[in-house]
Structures are given as C-alpha cells and as structure tokens.
Amino acid sequence: ADGVVNICEMKYSRLPYELTLAEADKIQYREQAFLRENP
C-alpha cells in the first residue's frame, strides 16, 4: 500500500547461493518487462 512493489526471486541451494552475471541479467530482464507492462 506504500507504493513499493517487491519482486521476489526464489533460489534453492544446499550452500550459500552464488549470484552469477547471467542470473543477475535474467532478474533485471524480468524486472524491466514487469515495469514496461505496468507503467
């Protein structure tokens, strides 16, 4: 209600998760797609 939209990504791993460049790019791609369709 305060205007913030949390974009939650779930990552399962037996060890601490390593966020790679490729995965970071995918998350940002999804965020941008969401913003384009929800201006």
Full PDB file with SEQRES, HELIX, SHEET, SSBOND, CRYST1, ORIGX, SCALE, CONECT and MASTER records, all heavy atoms in Angstrom:
SEQRES   1 A   39  ALA ASP GLY VAL VAL ASN ILE CYS GLU MET LYS TYR SER          
SEQRES   2 A   39  ARG LEU PRO TYR GLU LEU THR LEU ALA GLU ALA ASP LYS          
SEQRES   3 A   39  ILE GLN TYR ARG GLU GLN ALA PHE LEU ARG GLU ASN PRO          
HELIX    1 AA1 LEU A   21  GLU A   37  1                                  17    
CRYST1    1.000    1.000    1.000  90.00  90.00  90.00 P 1           1          
ORIGX1      1.000000  0.000000  0.000000        0.00000                         
ORIGX2      0.000000  1.000000  0.000000        0.00000                         
ORIGX3      0.000000  0.000000  1.000000        0.00000                         
SCALE1      1.000000  0.000000  0.000000        0.00000                         
SCALE2      0.000000  1.000000  0.000000        0.00000                         
SCALE3      0.000000  0.000000  1.000000        0.00000                         
ATOM      1  N   ALA A   1       0.817  -1.215   0.000  1.00  0.00           N  
ATOM      2  CA  ALA A   1       0.000   0.000   0.000  1.00  0.00           C  
ATOM      3  C   ALA A   1       0.849   1.264   0.000  1.00  0.00           C  
ATOM      4  O   ALA A   1       0.357   2.338  -0.360  1.00  0.00           O  
ATOM      5  CB  ALA A   1      -0.932   0.000   1.210  1.00  0.00           C  
ATOM      6  N   ASP A   2       2.133   1.155   0.391  1.00  0.00           N  
ATOM      7  CA  ASP A   2       3.001   2.334   0.383  1.00  0.00           C  
ATOM      8  C   ASP A   2       3.612   2.599  -0.989  1.00  0.00           C  
ATOM      9  O   ASP A   2       4.459   3.484  -1.144  1.00  0.00           O  
ATOM     10  CB  ASP A   2       4.113   2.200   1.434  1.00  0.00           C  
ATOM     11  CG  ASP A   2       5.001   0.977   1.205  1.00  0.00           C  
ATOM     12  OD1 ASP A   2       4.830   0.289   0.175  1.00  0.00           O  
ATOM     13  OD2 ASP A   2       5.859   0.710   2.059  1.00  0.00           O  
ATOM     14  N   GLY A   3       3.186   1.832  -2.007  1.00  0.00           N  
ATOM     15  CA  GLY A   3       3.634   2.077  -3.375  1.00  0.00           C  
ATOM     16  C   GLY A   3       4.810   1.238  -3.821  1.00  0.00           C  
ATOM     17  O   GLY A   3       5.148   1.223  -5.010  1.00  0.00           O  
ATOM     18  N   VAL A   4       5.432   0.520  -2.892  1.00  0.00           N  
ATOM     19  CA  VAL A   4       6.577  -0.312  -3.248  1.00  0.00           C  
ATOM     20  C   VAL A   4       6.093  -1.649  -3.809  1.00  0.00           C  
ATOM     21  O   VAL A   4       5.134  -2.240  -3.298  1.00  0.00           O  
ATOM     22  CB  VAL A   4       7.491  -0.550  -2.026  1.00  0.00           C  
ATOM     23  CG1 VAL A   4       8.648  -1.472  -2.386  1.00  0.00           C  
ATOM     24  CG2 VAL A   4       8.003   0.774  -1.486  1.00  0.00           C  
ATOM     25  N   VAL A   5       6.759  -2.109  -4.851  1.00  0.00           N  
ATOM     26  CA  VAL A   5       6.494  -3.426  -5.419  1.00  0.00           C  
ATOM     27  C   VAL A   5       7.740  -4.277  -5.223  1.00  0.00           C  
ATOM     28  O   VAL A   5       8.798  -3.983  -5.786  1.00  0.00           O  
ATOM     29  CB  VAL A   5       6.138  -3.346  -6.915  1.00  0.00           C  
ATOM     30  CG1 VAL A   5       5.930  -4.753  -7.480  1.00  0.00           C  
ATOM     31  CG2 VAL A   5       4.900  -2.492  -7.132  1.00  0.00           C  
ATOM     32  N   ASN A   6       7.626  -5.317  -4.385  1.00  0.00           N  
ATOM     33  CA  ASN A   6       8.749  -6.242  -4.172  1.00  0.00           C  
ATOM     34  C   ASN A   6       8.710  -7.335  -5.228  1.00  0.00           C  
ATOM     35  O   ASN A   6       7.706  -8.033  -5.377  1.00  0.00           O  
ATOM     36  CB  ASN A   6       8.679  -6.875  -2.785  1.00  0.00           C  
ATOM     37  CG  ASN A   6       8.924  -5.886  -1.665  1.00  0.00           C  
ATOM     38  OD1 ASN A   6       8.110  -5.736  -0.765  1.00  0.00           O  
ATOM     39  ND2 ASN A   6      10.037  -5.185  -1.713  1.00  0.00           N  
ATOM     40  N   ILE A   7       9.794  -7.454  -5.964  1.00  0.00           N  
ATOM     41  CA  ILE A   7       9.938  -8.518  -6.958  1.00  0.00           C  
ATOM     42  C   ILE A   7      10.774  -9.611  -6.319  1.00  0.00           C  
ATOM     43  O   ILE A   7      11.974  -9.447  -6.090  1.00  0.00           O  
ATOM     44  CB  ILE A   7      10.601  -7.977  -8.238  1.00  0.00           C  
ATOM     45  CG1 ILE A   7       9.666  -6.969  -8.908  1.00  0.00           C  
ATOM     46  CG2 ILE A   7      10.959  -9.117  -9.183  1.00  0.00           C  
ATOM     47  CD1 ILE A   7      10.230  -6.334 -10.157  1.00  0.00           C  
ATOM     48  N   CYS A   8      10.128 -10.730  -5.983  1.00  0.00           N  
ATOM     49  CA  CYS A   8      10.779 -11.785  -5.204  1.00  0.00           C  
ATOM     50  C   CYS A   8      11.206 -12.932  -6.116  1.00  0.00           C  
ATOM     51  O   CYS A   8      10.396 -13.462  -6.883  1.00  0.00           O  
ATOM     52  CB  CYS A   8       9.840 -12.310  -4.126  1.00  0.00           C  
ATOM     53  SG  CYS A   8       9.259 -11.036  -2.973  1.00  0.00           S  
ATOM     54  N   GLU A   9      12.454 -13.286  -6.014  1.00  0.00           N  
ATOM     55  CA  GLU A   9      13.018 -14.422  -6.749  1.00  0.00           C  
ATOM     56  C   GLU A   9      13.466 -15.476  -5.738  1.00  0.00           C  
ATOM     57  O   GLU A   9      14.156 -15.157  -4.766  1.00  0.00           O  
ATOM     58  CB  GLU A   9      14.209 -13.969  -7.603  1.00  0.00           C  
ATOM     59  CG  GLU A   9      13.829 -13.038  -8.743  1.00  0.00           C  
ATOM     60  CD  GLU A   9      13.258 -13.802  -9.935  1.00  0.00           C  
ATOM     61  OE1 GLU A   9      13.531 -15.019 -10.052  1.00  0.00           O  
ATOM     62  OE2 GLU A   9      12.550 -13.183 -10.748  1.00  0.00           O  
ATOM     63  N   MET A  10      13.101 -16.741  -5.984  1.00  0.00           N  
ATOM     64  CA  MET A  10      13.411 -17.823  -5.065  1.00  0.00           C  
ATOM     65  C   MET A  10      14.580 -18.642  -5.600  1.00  0.00           C  
ATOM     66  O   MET A  10      14.573 -19.046  -6.766  1.00  0.00           O  
ATOM     67  CB  MET A  10      12.208 -18.749  -4.863  1.00  0.00           C  
ATOM     68  CG  MET A  10      11.075 -18.146  -4.056  1.00  0.00           C  
ATOM     69  SD  MET A  10      10.347 -16.679  -4.774  1.00  0.00           S  
ATOM     70  CE  MET A  10       8.834 -16.555  -3.867  1.00  0.00           C  
ATOM     71  N   LYS A  11      15.568 -18.875  -4.755  1.00  0.00           N  
ATOM     72  CA  LYS A  11      16.778 -19.599  -5.161  1.00  0.00           C  
ATOM     73  C   LYS A  11      17.094 -20.699  -4.146  1.00  0.00           C  
ATOM     74  O   LYS A  11      17.505 -20.412  -3.024  1.00  0.00           O  
ATOM     75  CB  LYS A  11      17.971 -18.640  -5.278  1.00  0.00           C  
ATOM     76  CG  LYS A  11      17.745 -17.473  -6.243  1.00  0.00           C  
ATOM     77  CD  LYS A  11      17.501 -17.959  -7.663  1.00  0.00           C  
ATOM     78  CE  LYS A  11      17.231 -16.799  -8.613  1.00  0.00           C  
ATOM     79  NZ  LYS A  11      16.857 -17.280  -9.966  1.00  0.00           N  
ATOM     80  N   TYR A  12      16.911 -21.938  -4.574  1.00  0.00           N  
ATOM     81  CA  TYR A  12      17.246 -23.069  -3.722  1.00  0.00           C  
ATOM     82  C   TYR A  12      18.697 -23.485  -3.942  1.00  0.00           C  
ATOM     83  O   TYR A  12      19.166 -23.591  -5.078  1.00  0.00           O  
ATOM     84  CB  TYR A  12      16.333 -24.262  -4.018  1.00  0.00           C  
ATOM     85  CG  TYR A  12      16.765 -25.521  -3.292  1.00  0.00           C  
ATOM     86  CD1 TYR A  12      16.334 -25.773  -1.997  1.00  0.00           C  
ATOM     87  CD2 TYR A  12      17.651 -26.426  -3.891  1.00  0.00           C  
ATOM     88  CE1 TYR A  12      16.754 -26.907  -1.311  1.00  0.00           C  
ATOM     89  CE2 TYR A  12      18.071 -27.566  -3.218  1.00  0.00           C  
ATOM     90  CZ  TYR A  12      17.625 -27.792  -1.925  1.00  0.00           C  
ATOM     91  OH  TYR A  12      18.048 -28.906  -1.256  1.00  0.00           O  
ATOM     92  N   SER A  13      19.411 -23.728  -2.842  1.00  0.00           N  
ATOM     93  CA  SER A  13      20.776 -24.228  -2.931  1.00  0.00           C  
ATOM     94  C   SER A  13      21.142 -24.849  -1.588  1.00  0.00           C  
ATOM     95  O   SER A  13      20.744 -24.362  -0.535  1.00  0.00           O  
ATOM     96  CB  SER A  13      21.756 -23.096  -3.261  1.00  0.00           C  
ATOM     97  OG  SER A  13      23.090 -23.558  -3.247  1.00  0.00           O  
ATOM     98  N   ARG A  14      21.905 -25.938  -1.625  1.00  0.00           N  
ATOM     99  CA  ARG A  14      22.356 -26.550  -0.378  1.00  0.00           C  
ATOM    100  C   ARG A  14      23.428 -25.705   0.298  1.00  0.00           C  
ATOM    101  O   ARG A  14      23.655 -25.828   1.499  1.00  0.00           O  
ATOM    102  CB  ARG A  14      22.917 -27.950  -0.655  1.00  0.00           C  
ATOM    103  CG  ARG A  14      21.871 -28.963  -1.088  1.00  0.00           C  
ATOM    104  CD  ARG A  14      22.462 -30.347  -1.300  1.00  0.00           C  
ATOM    105  NE  ARG A  14      23.516 -30.344  -2.310  1.00  0.00           N  
ATOM    106  CZ  ARG A  14      24.806 -30.514  -2.062  1.00  0.00           C  
ATOM    107  NH1 ARG A  14      25.221 -30.689  -0.814  1.00  0.00           N  
ATOM    108  NH2 ARG A  14      25.696 -30.515  -3.033  1.00  0.00           N  
ATOM    109  N   LEU A  15      24.073 -24.836  -0.491  1.00  0.00           N  
ATOM    110  CA  LEU A  15      25.132 -23.964   0.009  1.00  0.00           C  
ATOM    111  C   LEU A  15      24.719 -22.517  -0.209  1.00  0.00           C  
ATOM    112  O   LEU A  15      23.737 -22.250  -0.913  1.00  0.00           O  
ATOM    113  CB  LEU A  15      26.443 -24.264  -0.734  1.00  0.00           C  
ATOM    114  CG  LEU A  15      26.958 -25.699  -0.629  1.00  0.00           C  
ATOM    115  CD1 LEU A  15      28.140 -25.905  -1.578  1.00  0.00           C  
ATOM    116  CD2 LEU A  15      27.341 -26.037   0.794  1.00  0.00           C  
ATOM    117  N   PRO A  16      25.426 -21.539   0.377  1.00  0.00           N  
ATOM    118  CA  PRO A  16      25.124 -20.144   0.064  1.00  0.00           C  
ATOM    119  C   PRO A  16      25.089 -19.924  -1.448  1.00  0.00           C  
ATOM    120  O   PRO A  16      25.951 -20.426  -2.184  1.00  0.00           O  
ATOM    121  CB  PRO A  16      26.274 -19.380   0.734  1.00  0.00           C  
ATOM    122  CG  PRO A  16      26.640 -20.239   1.898  1.00  0.00           C  
ATOM    123  CD  PRO A  16      26.486 -21.655   1.411  1.00  0.00           C  
ATOM    124  N   TYR A  17      24.078 -19.210  -1.912  1.00  0.00           N  
ATOM    125  CA  TYR A  17      23.821 -19.075  -3.355  1.00  0.00           C  
ATOM    126  C   TYR A  17      24.777 -18.073  -3.993  1.00  0.00           C  
ATOM    127  O   TYR A  17      24.991 -16.967  -3.471  1.00  0.00           O  
ATOM    128  CB  TYR A  17      22.382 -18.629  -3.576  1.00  0.00           C  
ATOM    129  CG  TYR A  17      21.992 -18.535  -5.026  1.00  0.00           C  
ATOM    130  CD1 TYR A  17      21.737 -19.688  -5.764  1.00  0.00           C  
ATOM    131  CD2 TYR A  17      21.891 -17.297  -5.661  1.00  0.00           C  
ATOM    132  CE1 TYR A  17      21.388 -19.606  -7.095  1.00  0.00           C  
ATOM    133  CE2 TYR A  17      21.539 -17.218  -6.990  1.00  0.00           C  
ATOM    134  CZ  TYR A  17      21.297 -18.370  -7.709  1.00  0.00           C  
ATOM    135  OH  TYR A  17      20.945 -18.279  -9.038  1.00  0.00           O  
ATOM    136  N   GLU A  18      25.335 -18.465  -5.124  1.00  0.00           N  
ATOM    137  CA  GLU A  18      26.225 -17.572  -5.876  1.00  0.00           C  
ATOM    138  C   GLU A  18      25.443 -16.925  -7.009  1.00  0.00           C  
ATOM    139  O   GLU A  18      25.007 -17.613  -7.946  1.00  0.00           O  
ATOM    140  CB  GLU A  18      27.416 -18.346  -6.440  1.00  0.00           C  
ATOM    141  CG  GLU A  18      28.401 -17.452  -7.188  1.00  0.00           C  
ATOM    142  CD  GLU A  18      29.613 -18.206  -7.703  1.00  0.00           C  
ATOM    143  OE1 GLU A  18      29.682 -19.442  -7.512  1.00  0.00           O  
ATOM    144  OE2 GLU A  18      30.496 -17.563  -8.318  1.00  0.00           O  
ATOM    145  N   LEU A  19      25.259 -15.628  -6.921  1.00  0.00           N  
ATOM    146  CA  LEU A  19      24.511 -14.901  -7.946  1.00  0.00           C  
ATOM    147  C   LEU A  19      25.457 -14.548  -9.090  1.00  0.00           C  
ATOM    148  O   LEU A  19      26.305 -13.662  -8.969  1.00  0.00           O  
ATOM    149  CB  LEU A  19      23.894 -13.630  -7.350  1.00  0.00           C  
ATOM    150  CG  LEU A  19      22.963 -12.821  -8.267  1.00  0.00           C  
ATOM    151  CD1 LEU A  19      21.779 -13.673  -8.713  1.00  0.00           C  
ATOM    152  CD2 LEU A  19      22.470 -11.573  -7.549  1.00  0.00           C  
ATOM    153  N   THR A  20      25.317 -15.247 -10.204  1.00  0.00           N  
ATOM    154  CA  THR A  20      26.199 -15.040 -11.345  1.00  0.00           C  
ATOM    155  C   THR A  20      25.722 -13.861 -12.186  1.00  0.00           C  
ATOM    156  O   THR A  20      24.598 -13.373 -12.036  1.00  0.00           O  
ATOM    157  CB  THR A  20      26.236 -16.289 -12.229  1.00  0.00           C  
ATOM    158  OG1 THR A  20      24.907 -16.517 -12.762  1.00  0.00           O  
ATOM    159  CG2 THR A  20      26.668 -17.515 -11.425  1.00  0.00           C  
ATOM    160  N   LEU A  21      26.578 -13.418 -13.095  1.00  0.00           N  
ATOM    161  CA  LEU A  21      26.207 -12.336 -14.013  1.00  0.00           C  
ATOM    162  C   LEU A  21      25.016 -12.741 -14.858  1.00  0.00           C  
ATOM    163  O   LEU A  21      24.080 -11.941 -15.061  1.00  0.00           O  
ATOM    164  CB  LEU A  21      27.396 -11.991 -14.915  1.00  0.00           C  
ATOM    165  CG  LEU A  21      27.107 -10.963 -16.023  1.00  0.00           C  
ATOM    166  CD1 LEU A  21      26.657  -9.636 -15.437  1.00  0.00           C  
ATOM    167  CD2 LEU A  21      28.350 -10.781 -16.907  1.00  0.00           C  
ATOM    168  N   ALA A  22      24.988 -13.986 -15.351  1.00  0.00           N  
ATOM    169  CA  ALA A  22      23.888 -14.443 -16.198  1.00  0.00           C  
ATOM    170  C   ALA A  22      22.562 -14.418 -15.441  1.00  0.00           C  
ATOM    171  O   ALA A  22      21.538 -13.972 -15.977  1.00  0.00           O  
ATOM    172  CB  ALA A  22      24.179 -15.859 -16.707  1.00  0.00           C  
ATOM    173  N   GLU A  23      22.579 -14.866 -14.180  1.00  0.00           N  
ATOM    174  CA  GLU A  23      21.340 -14.879 -13.394  1.00  0.00           C  
ATOM    175  C   GLU A  23      20.926 -13.468 -13.028  1.00  0.00           C  
ATOM    176  O   GLU A  23      19.733 -13.138 -13.027  1.00  0.00           O  
ATOM    177  CB  GLU A  23      21.517 -15.730 -12.143  1.00  0.00           C  
ATOM    178  CG  GLU A  23      20.236 -15.968 -11.363  1.00  0.00           C  
ATOM    179  CD  GLU A  23      19.137 -16.625 -12.191  1.00  0.00           C  
ATOM    180  OE1 GLU A  23      19.462 -17.508 -13.014  1.00  0.00           O  
ATOM    181  OE2 GLU A  23      17.965 -16.229 -12.021  1.00  0.00           O  
ATOM    182  N   ALA A  24      21.895 -12.601 -12.727  1.00  0.00           N  
ATOM    183  CA  ALA A  24      21.584 -11.196 -12.426  1.00  0.00           C  
ATOM    184  C   ALA A  24      20.927 -10.530 -13.631  1.00  0.00           C  
ATOM    185  O   ALA A  24      19.963  -9.759 -13.492  1.00  0.00           O  
ATOM    186  CB  ALA A  24      22.849 -10.454 -12.021  1.00  0.00           C  
ATOM    187  N   ASP A  25      21.423 -10.834 -14.828  1.00  0.00           N  
ATOM    188  CA  ASP A  25      20.839 -10.264 -16.049  1.00  0.00           C  
ATOM    189  C   ASP A  25      19.402 -10.748 -16.244  1.00  0.00           C  
ATOM    190  O   ASP A  25      18.525  -9.976 -16.653  1.00  0.00           O  
ATOM    191  CB  ASP A  25      21.684 -10.658 -17.267  1.00  0.00           C  
ATOM    192  CG  ASP A  25      22.996  -9.891 -17.339  1.00  0.00           C  
ATOM    193  OD1 ASP A  25      23.111  -8.852 -16.645  1.00  0.00           O  
ATOM    194  OD2 ASP A  25      23.902 -10.325 -18.089  1.00  0.00           O  
ATOM    195  N   LYS A  26      19.138 -12.031 -15.937  1.00  0.00           N  
ATOM    196  CA  LYS A  26      17.779 -12.566 -16.065  1.00  0.00           C  
ATOM    197  C   LYS A  26      16.817 -11.862 -15.115  1.00  0.00           C  
ATOM    198  O   LYS A  26      15.687 -11.524 -15.493  1.00  0.00           O  
ATOM    199  CB  LYS A  26      17.781 -14.069 -15.777  1.00  0.00           C  
ATOM    200  CG  LYS A  26      18.429 -14.918 -16.844  1.00  0.00           C  
ATOM    201  CD  LYS A  26      18.394 -16.395 -16.434  1.00  0.00           C  
ATOM    202  CE  LYS A  26      19.117 -17.264 -17.440  1.00  0.00           C  
ATOM    203  NZ  LYS A  26      19.122 -18.694 -17.014  1.00  0.00           N  
ATOM    204  N   ILE A  27      17.256 -11.631 -13.888  1.00  0.00           N  
ATOM    205  CA  ILE A  27      16.395 -10.958 -12.909  1.00  0.00           C  
ATOM    206  C   ILE A  27      16.081  -9.543 -13.360  1.00  0.00           C  
ATOM    207  O   ILE A  27      14.933  -9.084 -13.291  1.00  0.00           O  
ATOM    208  CB  ILE A  27      17.067 -10.966 -11.521  1.00  0.00           C  
ATOM    209  CG1 ILE A  27      17.146 -12.404 -10.976  1.00  0.00           C  
ATOM    210  CG2 ILE A  27      16.297 -10.081 -10.538  1.00  0.00           C  
ATOM    211  CD1 ILE A  27      17.958 -12.540  -9.709  1.00  0.00           C  
ATOM    212  N   GLN A  28      17.084  -8.848 -13.851  1.00  0.00           N  
ATOM    213  CA  GLN A  28      16.865  -7.477 -14.316  1.00  0.00           C  
ATOM    214  C   GLN A  28      15.988  -7.448 -15.562  1.00  0.00           C  
ATOM    215  O   GLN A  28      15.176  -6.524 -15.729  1.00  0.00           O  
ATOM    216  CB  GLN A  28      18.215  -6.812 -14.583  1.00  0.00           C  
ATOM    217  CG  GLN A  28      18.993  -6.547 -13.285  1.00  0.00           C  
ATOM    218  CD  GLN A  28      20.348  -5.908 -13.521  1.00  0.00           C  
ATOM    219  OE1 GLN A  28      21.071  -6.283 -14.443  1.00  0.00           O  
ATOM    220  NE2 GLN A  28      20.700  -4.946 -12.687  1.00  0.00           N  
ATOM    221  N   TYR A  29      16.115  -8.446 -16.420  1.00  0.00           N  
ATOM    222  CA  TYR A  29      15.248  -8.543 -17.603  1.00  0.00           C  
ATOM    223  C   TYR A  29      13.786  -8.692 -17.185  1.00  0.00           C  
ATOM    224  O   TYR A  29      12.889  -8.033 -17.732  1.00  0.00           O  
ATOM    225  CB  TYR A  29      15.684  -9.736 -18.456  1.00  0.00           C  
ATOM    226  CG  TYR A  29      14.753 -10.061 -19.599  1.00  0.00           C  
ATOM    227  CD1 TYR A  29      14.764  -9.295 -20.765  1.00  0.00           C  
ATOM    228  CD2 TYR A  29      13.849 -11.129 -19.512  1.00  0.00           C  
ATOM    229  CE1 TYR A  29      13.903  -9.597 -21.823  1.00  0.00           C  
ATOM    230  CE2 TYR A  29      12.989 -11.438 -20.551  1.00  0.00           C  
ATOM    231  CZ  TYR A  29      13.027 -10.667 -21.708  1.00  0.00           C  
ATOM    232  OH  TYR A  29      12.177 -10.957 -22.746  1.00  0.00           O  
ATOM    233  N   ARG A  30      13.527  -9.541 -16.187  1.00  0.00           N  
ATOM    234  CA  ARG A  30      12.163  -9.742 -15.698  1.00  0.00           C  
ATOM    235  C   ARG A  30      11.622  -8.464 -15.059  1.00  0.00           C  
ATOM    236  O   ARG A  30      10.457  -8.100 -15.252  1.00  0.00           O  
ATOM    237  CB  ARG A  30      12.127 -10.891 -14.686  1.00  0.00           C  
ATOM    238  CG  ARG A  30      12.488 -12.241 -15.269  1.00  0.00           C  
ATOM    239  CD  ARG A  30      12.741 -13.269 -14.192  1.00  0.00           C  
ATOM    240  NE  ARG A  30      13.330 -14.488 -14.726  1.00  0.00           N  
ATOM    241  CZ  ARG A  30      14.225 -15.221 -14.109  1.00  0.00           C  
ATOM    242  NH1 ARG A  30      14.645 -14.887 -12.891  1.00  0.00           N  
ATOM    243  NH2 ARG A  30      14.710 -16.310 -14.664  1.00  0.00           N  
ATOM    244  N   GLU A  31      12.471  -7.776 -14.302  1.00  0.00           N  
ATOM    245  CA  GLU A  31      12.046  -6.531 -13.671  1.00  0.00           C  
ATOM    246  C   GLU A  31      11.671  -5.494 -14.720  1.00  0.00           C  
ATOM    247  O   GLU A  31      10.635  -4.814 -14.602  1.00  0.00           O  
ATOM    248  CB  GLU A  31      13.162  -6.001 -12.768  1.00  0.00           C  
ATOM    249  CG  GLU A  31      12.795  -4.715 -12.034  1.00  0.00           C  
ATOM    250  CD  GLU A  31      13.934  -4.196 -11.174  1.00  0.00           C  
ATOM    251  OE1 GLU A  31      15.094  -4.592 -11.418  1.00  0.00           O  
ATOM    252  OE2 GLU A  31      13.659  -3.388 -10.263  1.00  0.00           O  
ATOM    253  N   GLN A  32      12.475  -5.356 -15.756  1.00  0.00           N  
ATOM    254  CA  GLN A  32      12.188  -4.372 -16.802  1.00  0.00           C  
ATOM    255  C   GLN A  32      10.917  -4.739 -17.569  1.00  0.00           C  
ATOM    256  O   GLN A  32      10.123  -3.863 -17.925  1.00  0.00           O  
ATOM    257  CB  GLN A  32      13.381  -4.266 -17.763  1.00  0.00           C  
ATOM    258  CG  GLN A  32      14.630  -3.653 -17.142  1.00  0.00           C  
ATOM    259  CD  GLN A  32      14.366  -2.268 -16.560  1.00  0.00           C  
ATOM    260  OE1 GLN A  32      13.733  -1.423 -17.193  1.00  0.00           O  
ATOM    261  NE2 GLN A  32      14.839  -2.046 -15.337  1.00  0.00           N  
ATOM    262  N   ALA A  33      10.707  -6.027 -17.829  1.00  0.00           N  
ATOM    263  CA  ALA A  33       9.486  -6.457 -18.512  1.00  0.00           C  
ATOM    264  C   ALA A  33       8.260  -6.114 -17.672  1.00  0.00           C  
ATOM    265  O   ALA A  33       7.235  -5.652 -18.197  1.00  0.00           O  
ATOM    266  CB  ALA A  33       9.544  -7.960 -18.788  1.00  0.00           C  
ATOM    267  N   PHE A  34       8.362  -6.340 -16.380  1.00  0.00           N  
ATOM    268  CA  PHE A  34       7.249  -6.007 -15.487  1.00  0.00           C  
ATOM    269  C   PHE A  34       6.954  -4.513 -15.515  1.00  0.00           C  
ATOM    270  O   PHE A  34       5.786  -4.096 -15.595  1.00  0.00           O  
ATOM    271  CB  PHE A  34       7.581  -6.456 -14.061  1.00  0.00           C  
ATOM    272  CG  PHE A  34       6.532  -6.069 -13.049  1.00  0.00           C  
ATOM    273  CD1 PHE A  34       5.390  -6.829 -12.899  1.00  0.00           C  
ATOM    274  CD2 PHE A  34       6.688  -4.938 -12.250  1.00  0.00           C  
ATOM    275  CE1 PHE A  34       4.419  -6.479 -11.964  1.00  0.00           C  
ATOM    276  CE2 PHE A  34       5.723  -4.577 -11.326  1.00  0.00           C  
ATOM    277  CZ  PHE A  34       4.577  -5.350 -11.182  1.00  0.00           C  
ATOM    278  N   LEU A  35       7.987  -3.690 -15.472  1.00  0.00           N  
ATOM    279  CA  LEU A  35       7.795  -2.238 -15.477  1.00  0.00           C  
ATOM    280  C   LEU A  35       7.199  -1.757 -16.791  1.00  0.00           C  
ATOM    281  O   LEU A  35       6.359  -0.843 -16.810  1.00  0.00           O  
ATOM    282  CB  LEU A  35       9.126  -1.537 -15.206  1.00  0.00           C  
ATOM    283  CG  LEU A  35       9.646  -1.641 -13.762  1.00  0.00           C  
ATOM    284  CD1 LEU A  35      11.080  -1.147 -13.675  1.00  0.00           C  
ATOM    285  CD2 LEU A  35       8.743  -0.865 -12.815  1.00  0.00           C  
ATOM    286  N   ARG A  36       7.592  -2.347 -17.913  1.00  0.00           N  
ATOM    287  CA  ARG A  36       7.035  -1.943 -19.212  1.00  0.00           C  
ATOM    288  C   ARG A  36       5.546  -2.246 -19.282  1.00  0.00           C  
ATOM    289  O   ARG A  36       4.775  -1.455 -19.843  1.00  0.00           O  
ATOM    290  CB  ARG A  36       7.765  -2.672 -20.346  1.00  0.00           C  
ATOM    291  CG  ARG A  36       9.117  -2.093 -20.694  1.00  0.00           C  
ATOM    292  CD  ARG A  36       9.615  -2.627 -22.022  1.00  0.00           C  
ATOM    293  NE  ARG A  36       9.772  -4.075 -22.018  1.00  0.00           N  
ATOM    294  CZ  ARG A  36      10.883  -4.704 -21.659  1.00  0.00           C  
ATOM    295  NH1 ARG A  36      11.947  -3.994 -21.264  1.00  0.00           N  
ATOM    296  NH2 ARG A  36      10.958  -6.019 -21.686  1.00  0.00           N  
ATOM    297  N   GLU A  37       5.128  -3.365 -18.711  1.00  0.00           N  
ATOM    298  CA  GLU A  37       3.723  -3.751 -18.799  1.00  0.00           C  
ATOM    299  C   GLU A  37       2.887  -3.194 -17.656  1.00  0.00           C  
ATOM    300  O   GLU A  37       1.660  -3.327 -17.657  1.00  0.00           O  
ATOM    301  CB  GLU A  37       3.616  -5.274 -18.847  1.00  0.00           C  
ATOM    302  CG  GLU A  37       4.247  -5.859 -20.107  1.00  0.00           C  
ATOM    303  CD  GLU A  37       4.121  -7.367 -20.215  1.00  0.00           C  
ATOM    304  OE1 GLU A  37       3.121  -7.915 -19.683  1.00  0.00           O  
ATOM    305  OE2 GLU A  37       5.004  -8.002 -20.820  1.00  0.00           O  
ATOM    306  N   ASN A  38       3.551  -2.582 -16.678  1.00  0.00           N  
ATOM    307  CA  ASN A  38       2.851  -1.972 -15.541  1.00  0.00           C  
ATOM    308  C   ASN A  38       3.448  -0.582 -15.289  1.00  0.00           C  
ATOM    309  O   ASN A  38       4.101  -0.345 -14.268  1.00  0.00           O  
ATOM    310  CB  ASN A  38       2.989  -2.847 -14.293  1.00  0.00           C  
ATOM    311  CG  ASN A  38       2.370  -4.218 -14.448  1.00  0.00           C  
ATOM    312  OD1 ASN A  38       1.183  -4.413 -14.213  1.00  0.00           O  
ATOM    313  ND2 ASN A  38       3.193  -5.189 -14.865  1.00  0.00           N  
ATOM    314  N   PRO A  39       3.238   0.349 -16.218  1.00  0.00           N  
ATOM    315  CA  PRO A  39       3.906   1.665 -16.135  1.00  0.00           C  
ATOM    316  C   PRO A  39       3.532   2.486 -14.903  1.00  0.00           C  
ATOM    317  O   PRO A  39       4.277   3.386 -14.519  1.00  0.00           O  
ATOM    318  CB  PRO A  39       3.451   2.360 -17.423  1.00  0.00           C  
ATOM    319  CG  PRO A  39       2.206   1.645 -17.843  1.00  0.00           C  
ATOM    320  CD  PRO A  39       2.394   0.233 -17.408  1.00  0.00           C  
TER     321      PRO A  39                                                      
MASTER        0    0    0    1    0    0    0    6  320    1    0    3          
END                                                                             
